[in-house]
Amino acid sequence: MERDTTVRRIRTQQNHNNQNQNNQENQQSQRPDSLNGLRRLKLRAPESGPLLTEARAVLLLLGFVCLLWTLVHLSVQQLIIRSPGTFNALRARKHLDQITSVGPRTVGSPENEILTVNYLLDQIEQIRSESRSGPHSITVDVQKPTGSFSIDFLGGFTSYYDRVTNIAVKLEPKSSAQHFMLANCHFDSVANSPGASDDAVSCSVMLEVLHSLANLSTPIKHGVIFLFNGAEENILQASHGFITQHPWAQQVRAFVNLEAAGVGGKEVVFQTGPENPWLVQAYVRAAIHPFASVVGQEVFQSGIIPSDTDFRIYRDFGNIPGIDLAFIENGFIYHTKYDTPERIHTDSIQRAGDNILSVLHHLVMSDELADSSVYRHGNMVFFDVLGLMVVAYPARVAAIINYLTAAAALVYLSRKCSGGAGVRYLRDVACAVCVCVLSWFVTLLTLLIVALLLTLLGRSMFWYTHFYAAVCLYGSAAAAKIILIHTLAKNLYYTGVSAVDLAELFFDVGLLLWCSALVFLTLHGLCSAYVPMMMVVFPLLSKLLLRTHFRAKGASLQYSVFYLMGLSVPYVHIMFLIWVVFEIFTPILGRSGTEIPPDVVLASLITLAAVILSSYLIHVLYLSSSTKRMLAALGSVFAVMFVLVGCGLFFPYSADPSSPRPKRVFVQHTTRVFHALDGSVERSDSGLWINSLDYTGMQHISAHVPQLNDSIRTRCQHTLPYCGFPWFLPVKFLVKKSWYLLAPAVSPEAPLEFRLLSRQQSEWGTLRLSFEAKGPTHMSLYLLPVSGASLIGWSFGDGTPRFDLSGEYFIFYSHGADAPAWRFSLEVQPGVSDASPDEGLLSLAISAHYFSGPDKHSPPLHTLISTFPDWAFPSAWSSTYHMYRY
């Protein structure tokens, strides 16, 4: 009896087990094929391998990011590691102090044309006297060129200059030379700024480099022309005068341009060429403190940075290759009164001098300079490694490396597609890619919504002085959104799939996406493809090396540490590039005009940074046992920061003397006169015209200056040339919000004299007009053909009119000392239109700009500026605007 009962129990249990097994198989067959594929493609890891605790995962990721960021920070702060001592930075600093002591140096002013020129000539003469007995000769020529050209910068305009100043110094062996390097700096500055970094420090460095080379005991093989140009801030005029008119320009084979987009720090090579890879190779071999990036070159040349340098003139008008260097740190005080010598560390001068001296000496002793055309073709991939060394190799070699790297990654991935589960694996990868893309989209959308909310609340640019507040707010939101999407995918879609398999899958997805970026950039010929190449090579190598360990022990702490160590090389470089991007773009957003919401731009950049950094760190997150505390912590940080920012705790601007963050404002005391077709005055007015250079407008200033409110906001009158206001540069498409406060008339010492010299009707029916203008050193001419008419010729540039983005014509004029009256001519083609005869064929306006120091401002200008808060920096001058119809 007992035996029979036992048998029945065994059979019942077997039947129950068989039924459970059948149910499990039925449930398994009902799972999506993609999940079945994941199970079939499991690694030979333990079925329930150990996962990282959430605390360990957080500590690993935070420690990894903080350690690499510390390395980047130390690299940026370390200006000098070693110095050969051949360049004397203290002597260069004395030059800097002397040049800036005269104050702002605008073109045509005595400070620029007399005081600074005389100082430079005196120092050059001392160097020549000191080196007279040596193997070199020095020749000095002061050039006063006149010319004009069109340029597509700022939407496109034409520039005309008359008798601006160039000081050209030729250093060559006493046996003479046929081939020359050009070293360029500019000693002029914008109005209202002493221009220490832009660009007096570069001229000081060049004086000392000239001194060092002239006193070498061994003669140099080729020559150097040091060009101290006196009209760069007037949109690159003096360099154009030299390269197109000076007889020495024909002997120049390459150039080095010294510029600034910030104050102090490291000078970066941000563009080279075009082509001529031998120049990059020379920098790599000779630079003592290297700092260079081809990424910066391709970003700058894309046009998204609203700036340009003399590099463009030498490249486009002289067909000469070169190297462009610039200081980029602390751009918040670029072109302000705070750009003073004491803010430039002596080590910055030392490193710039060491680099320029070493590179120039290397180039003038090289064979390539004599026949540079032989070495012309090809581009170079170049980047520095934390300022310690520069990696450089030809673009054609880079293409081979990139394609081999992509092939290796595809082979690695294709091995997982073999066998019957290959199709299912491809489905898994496609689904995982969709999850990643969804996380990116949701993250970007979330941050844009937050940015727009803060903008509507009036808290735009809260990060301008407190950048880490933006990191905490936008960074926490970005990280939380990415983690949240992946957590939801893990818990809702990938239920029952082991964390080890998911981690492996999303590593493959990261590899695939970076591989796609690598192929895309390489196919488009971009040298920046080295970045995704690094992001494929190092993670792939580390994964292959850790493959056995991962199979044996799963997601152990040891594996995670080694995995992150394998990512350290590309990630530290990525973080360095992220630092450069924010170092450049954050200050630019403070002068990018009133039409671009800066928080939207910053939120987009932080999203991009978060997406890039998360690409391989997601692998570690999937190995974590939970993400609840991560999400709670990130959500708490975001909530607290949003409340603090919304309450106005973080004010955008600062007048802290140690680290000012000024708000930029343009203020012009102007008189406007509008003439009818017969020359009579239709109307006139006078006032203070105020423009904000950033998105916040007068929002924060109105509390201190109540009269600057929306009741005096102006609107563009499109029927008038350039809206009827005296624009100094053609930037009205960037700055569309302005204020006009009525004030007494302007009383300039030398009023503008403008007259029509001749009016001729040609046999083809065109109207030829000749004019003469006599006024201050800076004038702007605006031309607006009436509907139906067209401007078909003029006396500027190559004779072909160039118009800007709005279809109007802008001509920028400046002159140096003792320049004659400005004469020019226009040719207008009448058209068939419904325009009123009273409108004529052409509306012409000319504005005259009168720069003066703060102690010489007009009384209305002085009164208004004195009420501005100390964190506001007004660039102020007087102007007149006269409009005529013809």
Foldseek 3Di string as FASTA:
>chain_A
DVVVVVVVVVVVVVVVVVVVVVVVVVVVVPFDLLLVLLVVLDFLAPPFFAFAAPVLLVCLVVVLVVVLVVLLVVLQPCLDDDFPPLFDLVQLLVQLCQLLVLPAFAFFDCSQFPRNVVVVVVLVVVLQVVLVPAQKHKDKDKDQFWAKAWDCALFIFIATEGGFIKIKMKIAGPVAAQAEEEEEAESHADFAASCSVFPSSSVSLVSRLSSSQSNDRDGFQHMYMYMHGHDVVLPQPRLLRCCVPPPCNVRYAEYEYEGALAAATAKEFQAWDPFLAVLVVLLQVFQPQHAYALVSNVVVVVCPQNDDGNQCSCCPVNVHIYTYIYHQFHSLCPRHHLNGSVRYDSSRSSNVSRSVSRSNRSVRNDPCRVPVVVRGDFDKGWGDQSRPGMDIDTLVVVLVLLVVLLVVLVVVVVVSLDDPSNVSLVVNLVVLLVLLVVLLVVLLVVLLVLLVVLVVLLLFQLCQVPVVLCCLALVLSSVLSSLVSVVCCCVPVNPPRALLSVLVSLLSNLLVVLSVVLVVCSVVSRSVSVLSSLVNPQLVVLCVVCVVVCSYRNNDSVSSSSNSVSVSRSVSVLVSVLVSVCSRVSSVQLQQFAPDRVSSVVSVSSSVSSSVVVSNSVSSVSSHPDCVVVSVVSVVSNVVSSVCSSVPVRDNFDLPSVRGNFFEKAKAFEKEFEAWQVGHTPDIFTWIKMWGRHNSTCVPFCVLVVVQDPVQKDAADVVAFPSRDFDQDSNCVRYGTMGTGGDDHDDDPWDKDKDWDDWDQDPVGKIKTKMWIDDAFKKKKKKDFDPFKDWQFKDHHPTGFDPGPVRIHMYIYGYHPPGDIDMMMTIMHHGDDPDDVRQAGMKMKMKHWARDDLVPADVVVNVVVVSGDSRHGYSYTYMYMYMYGD
